[in-house]
Amino acid sequence: MTPTDLFGYAGTAASVTAALVMVRATWQINTAGVWKGEAEAQKSRADRLQSDMDEIKERLARVEAQNERLVALLTSLDPAQLPHLHV
């Protein structure tokens, strides 16, 4: 084996190594992009769910307030008829 052959093999090995490094880097970048996209989608979904939950809580608070007013009205009309509704 001559020194020229060694340099040829070394050059080929360096090219293959560089190609593998590039493939791995590209794969990692693509994987990171996919995970980033997934994380953004999950955050958007979580934000929507939080907004829905806030709206449900507001509605529940209004319903509870209306319920208290109705119970007060009904018990003021004839409290003896509604013993189980006293708050």
PDB file of N, CA and C in Angstrom:
ATOM      1  N   MET A   1       0.851  -1.167   0.000  1.00  0.00           N
ATOM      2  CA  MET A   1       0.000   0.000   0.000  1.00  0.00           C
ATOM      3  C   MET A   1       0.900   1.234   0.000  1.00  0.00           C
ATOM      4  N   THR A   2       0.606   2.136  -0.864  1.00  0.00           N
ATOM      5  CA  THR A   2       1.432   3.332  -1.011  1.00  0.00           C
ATOM      6  C   THR A   2       0.827   4.488  -0.225  1.00  0.00           C
ATOM      7  N   PRO A   3       1.621   5.500   0.039  1.00  0.00           N
ATOM      8  CA  PRO A   3       1.084   6.665   0.739  1.00  0.00           C
ATOM      9  C   PRO A   3      -0.071   7.312  -0.015  1.00  0.00           C
ATOM     10  N   THR A   4      -0.039   7.252  -1.322  1.00  0.00           N
ATOM     11  CA  THR A   4      -1.134   7.821  -2.118  1.00  0.00           C
ATOM     12  C   THR A   4      -2.435   7.082  -1.837  1.00  0.00           C
ATOM     13  N   ASP A   5      -2.330   5.763  -1.712  1.00  0.00           N
ATOM     14  CA  ASP A   5      -3.505   4.960  -1.389  1.00  0.00           C
ATOM     15  C   ASP A   5      -4.044   5.347  -0.015  1.00  0.00           C
ATOM     16  N   LEU A   6      -3.152   5.535   0.934  1.00  0.00           N
ATOM     17  CA  LEU A   6      -3.577   5.918   2.280  1.00  0.00           C
ATOM     18  C   LEU A   6      -4.310   7.256   2.271  1.00  0.00           C
ATOM     19  N   PHE A   7      -3.756   8.202   1.518  1.00  0.00           N
ATOM     20  CA  PHE A   7      -4.418   9.509   1.426  1.00  0.00           C
ATOM     21  C   PHE A   7      -5.783   9.379   0.750  1.00  0.00           C
ATOM     22  N   GLY A   8      -5.868   8.512  -0.222  1.00  0.00           N
ATOM     23  CA  GLY A   8      -7.152   8.280  -0.908  1.00  0.00           C
ATOM     24  C   GLY A   8      -8.174   7.692   0.038  1.00  0.00           C
ATOM     25  N   TYR A   9      -7.754   6.693   0.825  1.00  0.00           N
ATOM     26  CA  TYR A   9      -8.659   6.077   1.805  1.00  0.00           C
ATOM     27  C   TYR A   9      -9.048   7.072   2.896  1.00  0.00           C
ATOM     28  N   ALA A  10      -8.066   7.850   3.321  1.00  0.00           N
ATOM     29  CA  ALA A  10      -8.344   8.845   4.360  1.00  0.00           C
ATOM     30  C   ALA A  10      -9.332   9.890   3.846  1.00  0.00           C
ATOM     31  N   GLY A  11      -9.154  10.298   2.596  1.00  0.00           N
ATOM     32  CA  GLY A  11     -10.084  11.266   1.998  1.00  0.00           C
ATOM     33  C   GLY A  11     -11.481  10.699   1.886  1.00  0.00           C
ATOM     34  N   THR A  12     -11.576   9.432   1.482  1.00  0.00           N
ATOM     35  CA  THR A  12     -12.881   8.770   1.374  1.00  0.00           C
ATOM     36  C   THR A  12     -13.525   8.645   2.753  1.00  0.00           C
ATOM     37  N   ALA A  13     -12.718   8.228   3.742  1.00  0.00           N
ATOM     38  CA  ALA A  13     -13.237   8.085   5.104  1.00  0.00           C
ATOM     39  C   ALA A  13     -13.704   9.437   5.644  1.00  0.00           C
ATOM     40  N   ALA A  14     -12.956  10.494   5.355  1.00  0.00           N
ATOM     41  CA  ALA A  14     -13.342  11.832   5.807  1.00  0.00           C
ATOM     42  C   ALA A  14     -14.645  12.267   5.139  1.00  0.00           C
ATOM     43  N   SER A  15     -14.796  11.954   3.863  1.00  0.00           N
ATOM     44  CA  SER A  15     -16.020  12.314   3.140  1.00  0.00           C
ATOM     45  C   SER A  15     -17.226  11.574   3.703  1.00  0.00           C
ATOM     46  N   VAL A  16     -17.036  10.278   3.965  1.00  0.00           N
ATOM     47  CA  VAL A  16     -18.131   9.472   4.527  1.00  0.00           C
ATOM     48  C   VAL A  16     -18.494   9.978   5.919  1.00  0.00           C
ATOM     49  N   THR A  17     -17.477  10.267   6.722  1.00  0.00           N
ATOM     50  CA  THR A  17     -17.721  10.783   8.071  1.00  0.00           C
ATOM     51  C   THR A  17     -18.464  12.114   8.008  1.00  0.00           C
ATOM     52  N   ALA A  18     -18.041  12.999   7.125  1.00  0.00           N
ATOM     53  CA  ALA A  18     -18.704  14.298   6.976  1.00  0.00           C
ATOM     54  C   ALA A  18     -20.153  14.115   6.541  1.00  0.00           C
ATOM     55  N   ALA A  19     -20.375  13.187   5.619  1.00  0.00           N
ATOM     56  CA  ALA A  19     -21.738  12.925   5.157  1.00  0.00           C
ATOM     57  C   ALA A  19     -22.605  12.410   6.304  1.00  0.00           C
ATOM     58  N   LEU A  20     -22.064  11.505   7.096  1.00  0.00           N
ATOM     59  CA  LEU A  20     -22.824  10.967   8.234  1.00  0.00           C
ATOM     60  C   LEU A  20     -23.132  12.063   9.257  1.00  0.00           C
ATOM     61  N   VAL A  21     -22.150  12.924   9.499  1.00  0.00           N
ATOM     62  CA  VAL A  21     -22.366  14.040  10.425  1.00  0.00           C
ATOM     63  C   VAL A  21     -23.474  14.946   9.896  1.00  0.00           C
ATOM     64  N   MET A  22     -23.475  15.219   8.615  1.00  0.00           N
ATOM     65  CA  MET A  22     -24.505  16.074   8.012  1.00  0.00           C
ATOM     66  C   MET A  22     -25.878  15.416   8.088  1.00  0.00           C
ATOM     67  N   VAL A  23     -25.941  14.113   7.816  1.00  0.00           N
ATOM     68  CA  VAL A  23     -27.212  13.391   7.899  1.00  0.00           C
ATOM     69  C   VAL A  23     -27.743  13.433   9.324  1.00  0.00           C
ATOM     70  N   ARG A  24     -26.864  13.182  10.279  1.00  0.00           N
ATOM     71  CA  ARG A  24     -27.283  13.202  11.685  1.00  0.00           C
ATOM     72  C   ARG A  24     -27.753  14.596  12.100  1.00  0.00           C
ATOM     73  N   ALA A  25     -27.025  15.636  11.699  1.00  0.00           N
ATOM     74  CA  ALA A  25     -27.401  17.012  12.039  1.00  0.00           C
ATOM     75  C   ALA A  25     -28.746  17.369  11.412  1.00  0.00           C
ATOM     76  N   THR A  26     -28.938  16.965  10.154  1.00  0.00           N
ATOM     77  CA  THR A  26     -30.212  17.229   9.482  1.00  0.00           C
ATOM     78  C   THR A  26     -31.346  16.511  10.198  1.00  0.00           C
ATOM     79  N   TRP A  27     -31.130  15.276  10.586  1.00  0.00           N
ATOM     80  CA  TRP A  27     -32.150  14.508  11.305  1.00  0.00           C
ATOM     81  C   TRP A  27     -32.490  15.187  12.626  1.00  0.00           C
ATOM     82  N   GLN A  28     -31.468  15.632  13.351  1.00  0.00           N
ATOM     83  CA  GLN A  28     -31.716  16.296  14.631  1.00  0.00           C
ATOM     84  C   GLN A  28     -32.474  17.609  14.441  1.00  0.00           C
ATOM     85  N   ILE A  29     -32.115  18.360  13.404  1.00  0.00           N
ATOM     86  CA  ILE A  29     -32.807  19.624  13.134  1.00  0.00           C
ATOM     87  C   ILE A  29     -34.270  19.348  12.772  1.00  0.00           C
ATOM     88  N   ASN A  30     -34.492  18.351  11.928  1.00  0.00           N
ATOM     89  CA  ASN A  30     -35.863  18.006  11.545  1.00  0.00           C
ATOM     90  C   ASN A  30     -36.663  17.518  12.746  1.00  0.00           C
ATOM     91  N   THR A  31     -36.040  16.695  13.572  1.00  0.00           N
ATOM     92  CA  THR A  31     -36.707  16.202  14.772  1.00  0.00           C
ATOM     93  C   THR A  31     -37.048  17.350  15.711  1.00  0.00           C
ATOM     94  N   ALA A  32     -36.111  18.268  15.882  1.00  0.00           N
ATOM     95  CA  ALA A  32     -36.361  19.426  16.742  1.00  0.00           C
ATOM     96  C   ALA A  32     -37.507  20.262  16.182  1.00  0.00           C
ATOM     97  N   GLY A  33     -37.552  20.408  14.864  1.00  0.00           N
ATOM     98  CA  GLY A  33     -38.645  21.163  14.242  1.00  0.00           C
ATOM     99  C   GLY A  33     -39.992  20.502  14.466  1.00  0.00           C
ATOM    100  N   VAL A  34     -40.022  19.188  14.340  1.00  0.00           N
ATOM    101  CA  VAL A  34     -41.274  18.451  14.575  1.00  0.00           C
ATOM    102  C   VAL A  34     -41.715  18.614  16.025  1.00  0.00           C
ATOM    103  N   TRP A  35     -40.787  18.455  16.951  1.00  0.00           N
ATOM    104  CA  TRP A  35     -41.137  18.589  18.369  1.00  0.00           C
ATOM    105  C   TRP A  35     -41.561  20.011  18.707  1.00  0.00           C
ATOM    106  N   LYS A  36     -40.908  20.987  18.086  1.00  0.00           N
ATOM    107  CA  LYS A  36     -41.286  22.376  18.321  1.00  0.00           C
ATOM    108  C   LYS A  36     -42.706  22.623  17.817  1.00  0.00           C
ATOM    109  N   GLY A  37     -43.002  22.128  16.632  1.00  0.00           N
ATOM    110  CA  GLY A  37     -44.356  22.262  16.086  1.00  0.00           C
ATOM    111  C   GLY A  37     -45.384  21.589  16.976  1.00  0.00           C
ATOM    112  N   GLU A  38     -45.053  20.412  17.467  1.00  0.00           N
ATOM    113  CA  GLU A  38     -45.964  19.683  18.356  1.00  0.00           C
ATOM    114  C   GLU A  38     -46.173  20.455  19.654  1.00  0.00           C
ATOM    115  N   ALA A  39     -45.100  21.004  20.198  1.00  0.00           N
ATOM    116  CA  ALA A  39     -45.212  21.779  21.440  1.00  0.00           C
ATOM    117  C   ALA A  39     -46.079  23.012  21.232  1.00  0.00           C
ATOM    118  N   GLU A  40     -45.921  23.680  20.107  1.00  0.00           N
ATOM    119  CA  GLU A  40     -46.745  24.855  19.821  1.00  0.00           C
ATOM    120  C   GLU A  40     -48.211  24.467  19.672  1.00  0.00           C
ATOM    121  N   ALA A  41     -48.475  23.347  19.019  1.00  0.00           N
ATOM    122  CA  ALA A  41     -49.853  22.878  18.862  1.00  0.00           C
ATOM    123  C   ALA A  41     -50.473  22.544  20.223  1.00  0.00           C
ATOM    124  N   GLN A  42     -49.696  21.885  21.082  1.00  0.00           N
ATOM    125  CA  GLN A  42     -50.199  21.544  22.411  1.00  0.00           C
ATOM    126  C   GLN A  42     -50.443  22.795  23.247  1.00  0.00           C
ATOM    127  N   LYS A  43     -49.587  23.794  23.113  1.00  0.00           N
ATOM    128  CA  LYS A  43     -49.778  25.051  23.847  1.00  0.00           C
ATOM    129  C   LYS A  43     -51.047  25.747  23.378  1.00  0.00           C
ATOM    130  N   SER A  44     -51.270  25.771  22.065  1.00  0.00           N
ATOM    131  CA  SER A  44     -52.494  26.368  21.530  1.00  0.00           C
ATOM    132  C   SER A  44     -53.722  25.648  22.063  1.00  0.00           C
ATOM    133  N   ARG A  45     -53.655  24.336  22.091  1.00  0.00           N
ATOM    134  CA  ARG A  45     -54.776  23.541  22.610  1.00  0.00           C
ATOM    135  C   ARG A  45     -54.988  23.824  24.092  1.00  0.00           C
ATOM    136  N   ALA A  46     -53.921  23.894  24.837  1.00  0.00           N
ATOM    137  CA  ALA A  46     -54.029  24.189  26.272  1.00  0.00           C
ATOM    138  C   ALA A  46     -54.606  25.581  26.496  1.00  0.00           C
ATOM    139  N   ASP A  47     -54.201  26.550  25.673  1.00  0.00           N
ATOM    140  CA  ASP A  47     -54.750  27.902  25.790  1.00  0.00           C
ATOM    141  C   ASP A  47     -56.250  27.912  25.505  1.00  0.00           C
ATOM    142  N   ARG A  48     -56.674  27.173  24.465  1.00  0.00           N
ATOM    143  CA  ARG A  48     -58.111  27.083  24.156  1.00  0.00           C
ATOM    144  C   ARG A  48     -58.871  26.426  25.298  1.00  0.00           C
ATOM    145  N   LEU A  49     -58.313  25.341  25.833  1.00  0.00           N
ATOM    146  CA  LEU A  49     -58.971  24.655  26.934  1.00  0.00           C
ATOM    147  C   LEU A  49     -59.068  25.550  28.168  1.00  0.00           C
ATOM    148  N   GLN A  50     -58.021  26.331  28.434  1.00  0.00           N
ATOM    149  CA  GLN A  50     -58.045  27.248  29.569  1.00  0.00           C
ATOM    150  C   GLN A  50     -59.114  28.311  29.363  1.00  0.00           C
ATOM    151  N   SER A  51     -59.225  28.813  28.145  1.00  0.00           N
ATOM    152  CA  SER A  51     -60.250  29.807  27.831  1.00  0.00           C
ATOM    153  C   SER A  51     -61.649  29.215  28.027  1.00  0.00           C
ATOM    154  N   ASP A  52     -61.832  27.981  27.549  1.00  0.00           N
ATOM    155  CA  ASP A  52     -63.117  27.307  27.746  1.00  0.00           C
ATOM    156  C   ASP A  52     -63.410  27.111  29.223  1.00  0.00           C
ATOM    157  N   MET A  53     -62.399  26.725  29.989  1.00  0.00           N
ATOM    158  CA  MET A  53     -62.589  26.512  31.430  1.00  0.00           C
ATOM    159  C   MET A  53     -62.953  27.819  32.125  1.00  0.00           C
ATOM    160  N   ASP A  54     -62.304  28.904  31.752  1.00  0.00           N
ATOM    161  CA  ASP A  54     -62.626  30.204  32.338  1.00  0.00           C
ATOM    162  C   ASP A  54     -64.074  30.589  32.037  1.00  0.00           C
ATOM    163  N   GLU A  55     -64.510  30.337  30.797  1.00  0.00           N
ATOM    164  CA  GLU A  55     -65.892  30.643  30.425  1.00  0.00           C
ATOM    165  C   GLU A  55     -66.875  29.789  31.223  1.00  0.00           C
ATOM    166  N   ILE A  56     -66.551  28.515  31.399  1.00  0.00           N
ATOM    167  CA  ILE A  56     -67.429  27.622  32.180  1.00  0.00           C
ATOM    168  C   ILE A  56     -67.516  28.099  33.624  1.00  0.00           C
ATOM    169  N   LYS A  57     -66.398  28.514  34.192  1.00  0.00           N
ATOM    170  CA  LYS A  57     -66.406  29.010  35.576  1.00  0.00           C
ATOM    171  C   LYS A  57     -67.273  30.257  35.703  1.00  0.00           C
ATOM    172  N   GLU A  58     -67.170  31.166  34.718  1.00  0.00           N
ATOM    173  CA  GLU A  58     -67.987  32.375  34.738  1.00  0.00           C
ATOM    174  C   GLU A  58     -69.466  32.034  34.645  1.00  0.00           C
ATOM    175  N   ARG A  59     -69.802  31.109  33.754  1.00  0.00           N
ATOM    176  CA  ARG A  59     -71.208  30.686  33.622  1.00  0.00           C
ATOM    177  C   ARG A  59     -71.702  30.048  34.918  1.00  0.00           C
ATOM    178  N   LEU A  60     -70.879  29.216  35.511  1.00  0.00           N
ATOM    179  CA  LEU A  60     -71.269  28.567  36.758  1.00  0.00           C
ATOM    180  C   LEU A  60     -71.507  29.600  37.856  1.00  0.00           C
ATOM    181  N   ALA A  61     -70.635  30.599  37.935  1.00  0.00           N
ATOM    182  CA  ALA A  61     -70.808  31.646  38.942  1.00  0.00           C
ATOM    183  C   ALA A  61     -72.125  32.388  38.718  1.00  0.00           C
ATOM    184  N   ARG A  62     -72.468  32.673  37.446  1.00  0.00           N
ATOM    185  CA  ARG A  62     -73.744  33.345  37.148  1.00  0.00           C
ATOM    186  C   ARG A  62     -74.928  32.459  37.523  1.00  0.00           C
ATOM    187  N   VAL A  63     -74.843  31.172  37.198  1.00  0.00           N
ATOM    188  CA  VAL A  63     -75.935  30.243  37.525  1.00  0.00           C
ATOM    189  C   VAL A  63     -76.104  30.146  39.039  1.00  0.00           C
ATOM    190  N   GLU A  64     -75.000  30.072  39.771  1.00  0.00           N
ATOM    191  CA  GLU A  64     -75.093  30.001  41.237  1.00  0.00           C
ATOM    192  C   GLU A  64     -75.722  31.274  41.806  1.00  0.00           C
ATOM    193  N   ALA A  65     -75.345  32.429  41.262  1.00  0.00           N
ATOM    194  CA  ALA A  65     -75.930  33.691  41.732  1.00  0.00           C
ATOM    195  C   ALA A  65     -77.418  33.735  41.422  1.00  0.00           C
ATOM    196  N   GLN A  66     -77.797  33.298  40.239  1.00  0.00           N
ATOM    197  CA  GLN A  66     -79.220  33.267  39.884  1.00  0.00           C
ATOM    198  C   GLN A  66     -79.973  32.284  40.768  1.00  0.00           C
ATOM    199  N   ASN A  67     -79.362  31.158  41.047  1.00  0.00           N
ATOM    200  CA  ASN A  67     -79.985  30.155  41.907  1.00  0.00           C
ATOM    201  C   ASN A  67     -80.226  30.723  43.309  1.00  0.00           C
ATOM    202  N   GLU A  68     -79.231  31.432  43.850  1.00  0.00           N
ATOM    203  CA  GLU A  68     -79.396  32.040  45.170  1.00  0.00           C
ATOM    204  C   GLU A  68     -80.536  33.042  45.170  1.00  0.00           C
ATOM    205  N   ARG A  69     -80.630  33.855  44.098  1.00  0.00           N
ATOM    206  CA  ARG A  69     -81.731  34.822  44.003  1.00  0.00           C
ATOM    207  C   ARG A  69     -83.071  34.125  43.923  1.00  0.00           C
ATOM    208  N   LEU A  70     -83.157  33.059  43.137  1.00  0.00           N
ATOM    209  CA  LEU A  70     -84.414  32.317  43.016  1.00  0.00           C
ATOM    210  C   LEU A  70     -84.819  31.680  44.341  1.00  0.00           C
ATOM    211  N   VAL A  71     -83.852  31.092  45.044  1.00  0.00           N
ATOM    212  CA  VAL A  71     -84.148  30.485  46.344  1.00  0.00           C
ATOM    213  C   VAL A  71     -84.635  31.560  47.309  1.00  0.00           C
ATOM    214  N   ALA A  72     -83.979  32.720  47.288  1.00  0.00           N
ATOM    215  CA  ALA A  72     -84.406  33.817  48.164  1.00  0.00           C
ATOM    216  C   ALA A  72     -85.818  34.259  47.819  1.00  0.00           C
ATOM    217  N   LEU A  73     -86.125  34.380  46.544  1.00  0.00           N
ATOM    218  CA  LEU A  73     -87.481  34.765  46.133  1.00  0.00           C
ATOM    219  C   LEU A  73     -88.515  33.719  46.551  1.00  0.00           C
ATOM    220  N   LEU A  74     -88.222  32.479  46.296  1.00  0.00           N
ATOM    221  CA  LEU A  74     -89.173  31.408  46.626  1.00  0.00           C
ATOM    222  C   LEU A  74     -89.386  31.283  48.129  1.00  0.00           C
ATOM    223  N   THR A  75     -88.332  31.357  48.882  1.00  0.00           N
ATOM    224  CA  THR A  75     -88.493  31.221  50.339  1.00  0.00           C
ATOM    225  C   THR A  75     -89.177  32.452  50.930  1.00  0.00           C
ATOM    226  N   SER A  76     -89.049  33.606  50.300  1.00  0.00           N
ATOM    227  CA  SER A  76     -89.745  34.788  50.804  1.00  0.00           C
ATOM    228  C   SER A  76     -91.236  34.707  50.510  1.00  0.00           C
ATOM    229  N   LEU A  77     -91.625  33.955  49.481  1.00  0.00           N
ATOM    230  CA  LEU A  77     -93.042  33.798  49.170  1.00  0.00           C
ATOM    231  C   LEU A  77     -93.720  32.871  50.172  1.00  0.00           C
ATOM    232  N   ASP A  78     -93.159  31.701  50.382  1.00  0.00           N
ATOM    233  CA  ASP A  78     -93.745  30.742  51.328  1.00  0.00           C
ATOM    234  C   ASP A  78     -92.638  29.817  51.828  1.00  0.00           C
ATOM    235  N   PRO A  79     -91.887  30.265  52.836  1.00  0.00           N
ATOM    236  CA  PRO A  79     -90.756  29.468  53.329  1.00  0.00           C
ATOM    237  C   PRO A  79     -91.147  28.080  53.818  1.00  0.00           C
ATOM    238  N   ALA A  80     -92.351  27.891  54.279  1.00  0.00           N
ATOM    239  CA  ALA A  80     -92.764  26.581  54.795  1.00  0.00           C
ATOM    240  C   ALA A  80     -92.866  25.548  53.686  1.00  0.00           C
ATOM    241  N   GLN A  81     -93.084  25.967  52.472  1.00  0.00           N
ATOM    242  CA  GLN A  81     -93.212  25.045  51.356  1.00  0.00           C
ATOM    243  C   GLN A  81     -91.859  24.529  50.860  1.00  0.00           C
ATOM    244  N   LEU A  82     -90.779  25.198  51.231  1.00  0.00           N
ATOM    245  CA  LEU A  82     -89.460  24.837  50.714  1.00  0.00           C
ATOM    246  C   LEU A  82     -88.419  24.633  51.806  1.00  0.00           C
ATOM    247  N   PRO A  83     -88.643  23.723  52.720  1.00  0.00           N
ATOM    248  CA  PRO A  83     -87.693  23.558  53.828  1.00  0.00           C
ATOM    249  C   PRO A  83     -86.336  22.999  53.366  1.00  0.00           C
ATOM    250  N   HIS A  84     -86.291  22.264  52.312  1.00  0.00           N
ATOM    251  CA  HIS A  84     -85.043  21.647  51.862  1.00  0.00           C
ATOM    252  C   HIS A  84     -84.181  22.602  51.016  1.00  0.00           C
ATOM    253  N   LEU A  85     -84.663  23.795  50.692  1.00  0.00           N
ATOM    254  CA  LEU A  85     -83.908  24.717  49.860  1.00  0.00           C
ATOM    255  C   LEU A  85     -83.225  25.831  50.641  1.00  0.00           C
ATOM    256  N   HIS A  86     -83.343  25.841  51.945  1.00  0.00           N
ATOM    257  CA  HIS A  86     -82.722  26.912  52.719  1.00  0.00           C
ATOM    258  C   HIS A  86     -81.203  26.868  52.547  1.00  0.00           C
ATOM    259  N   VAL A  87     -80.644  28.006  52.241  1.00  0.00           N
ATOM    260  CA  VAL A  87     -79.201  28.092  51.986  1.00  0.00           C
ATOM    261  C   VAL A  87     -78.508  28.616  53.217  1.00  0.00           C
TER     262      VAL A  87
END
